[in-house]
C-alpha atoms as a PDB file:
ATOM      1  CA  MET A   1     -14.160 -99.060 119.398  1.00  0.00           C
ATOM      2  CA  THR A   2     -17.413 -97.107 119.403  1.00  0.00           C
ATOM      3  CA  LEU A   3     -15.681 -94.127 117.821  1.00  0.00           C
ATOM      4  CA  LEU A   4     -14.490 -96.278 114.913  1.00  0.00           C
ATOM      5  CA  LYS A   5     -18.017 -97.563 114.330  1.00  0.00           C
ATOM      6  CA  ASN A   6     -19.565 -94.088 114.400  1.00  0.00           C
ATOM      7  CA  THR A   7     -16.994 -92.303 112.228  1.00  0.00           C
ATOM      8  CA  PRO A   8     -18.604 -93.249 108.873  1.00  0.00           C
ATOM      9  CA  LEU A   9     -22.015 -92.222 110.195  1.00  0.00           C
ATOM     10  CA  ILE A  10     -20.780 -88.788 111.276  1.00  0.00           C
ATOM     11  CA  PHE A  11     -18.956 -88.321 107.980  1.00  0.00           C
ATOM     12  CA  THR A  12     -22.110 -89.314 106.085  1.00  0.00           C
ATOM     13  CA  LEU A  13     -24.241 -86.805 107.939  1.00  0.00           C
ATOM     14  CA  SER A  14     -21.761 -84.009 107.303  1.00  0.00           C
ATOM     15  CA  LEU A  15     -21.732 -84.823 103.575  1.00  0.00           C
ATOM     16  CA  MET A  16     -25.514 -84.933 103.260  1.00  0.00           C
ATOM     17  CA  ALA A  17     -25.953 -81.624 105.096  1.00  0.00           C
ATOM     18  CA  ASN A  18     -24.335 -79.750 102.187  1.00  0.00           C
ATOM     19  CA  THR A  19     -26.703 -80.902  99.438  1.00  0.00           C
ATOM     20  CA  GLU A  20     -28.890 -78.345  97.704  1.00  0.00           C
ATOM     21  CA  SER A  21     -30.413 -80.125  94.695  1.00  0.00           C
ATOM     22  CA  GLU A  22     -31.918 -83.510  93.956  1.00  0.00           C
ATOM     23  CA  SER A  23     -29.016 -84.524  91.721  1.00  0.00           C
ATOM     24  CA  GLU A  24     -26.536 -83.732  94.505  1.00  0.00           C
ATOM     25  CA  VAL A  25     -28.550 -85.863  96.912  1.00  0.00           C
ATOM     26  CA  ILE A  26     -28.502 -88.795  94.480  1.00  0.00           C
ATOM     27  CA  SER A  27     -24.794 -88.521  93.708  1.00  0.00           C
ATOM     28  CA  LEU A  28     -23.813 -88.058  97.348  1.00  0.00           C
ATOM     29  CA  GLY A  29     -26.166 -90.852  98.374  1.00  0.00           C
ATOM     30  CA  LEU A  30     -24.432 -93.259  96.007  1.00  0.00           C
ATOM     31  CA  SER A  31     -21.008 -92.180  97.196  1.00  0.00           C
ATOM     32  CA  VAL A  32     -22.103 -92.603 100.820  1.00  0.00           C
ATOM     33  CA  ILE A  33     -23.293 -96.140 100.065  1.00  0.00           C
ATOM     34  CA  MET A  34     -19.888 -96.938  98.545  1.00  0.00           C
ATOM     35  CA  LEU A  35     -18.123 -95.343 101.525  1.00  0.00           C
ATOM     36  CA  ASN A  36     -20.123 -97.450 103.952  1.00  0.00           C
ATOM     37  CA  ILE A  37     -19.473-100.634 101.980  1.00  0.00           C
ATOM     38  CA  GLY A  38     -15.768 -99.840 102.063  1.00  0.00           C
ATOM     39  CA  MET A  39     -15.705 -99.048 105.762  1.00  0.00           C
ATOM     40  CA  TYR A  40     -17.851-101.905 107.007  1.00  0.00           C
ATOM     41  CA  LEU A  41     -16.960-104.680 104.553  1.00  0.00           C
ATOM     42  CA  GLY A  42     -13.777-103.766 102.683  1.00  0.00           C
ATOM     43  CA  VAL A  43     -11.514-102.708 105.533  1.00  0.00           C
ATOM     44  CA  PRO A  44     -12.323-105.713 107.773  1.00  0.00           C
ATOM     45  CA  ALA A  45     -11.851-108.077 104.804  1.00  0.00           C
ATOM     46  CA  VAL A  46      -8.409-106.623 104.082  1.00  0.00           C
ATOM     47  CA  LEU A  47      -7.466-106.916 107.751  1.00  0.00           C
ATOM     48  CA  ILE A  48      -8.600-110.547 107.932  1.00  0.00           C
ATOM     49  CA  VAL A  49      -6.660-111.481 104.784  1.00  0.00           C
ATOM     50  CA  GLY A  50      -3.579-109.683 106.131  1.00  0.00           C
ATOM     51  CA  ILE A  51      -3.762-111.478 109.465  1.00  0.00           C
ATOM     52  CA  ARG A  52      -4.189-114.851 107.753  1.00  0.00           C
ATOM     53  CA  ARG A  53      -1.065-114.228 105.672  1.00  0.00           C
ATOM     54  CA  ILE A  54       0.968-113.515 108.786  1.00  0.00           C
ATOM     55  CA  ILE A  55      -0.233-116.654 110.573  1.00  0.00           C
END
C-alpha cells in the first residue's frame, strides 16, 4: 500500500529533475498537479463508483 501512495511522488521528482528553464518548470509543474489530482482523487472515485455499481 505504501508503494502505491509513493509512486506519484517518485514520478513527480523524476519529472522535475529534467527541467532546465523556467517555462519547463511551469509546464511540468502544472502537469504534475494534474497527475496528482488524477492519482489521488480520480482513480479512487472511479473505483468507488465501480464498486457501487457491482453492489
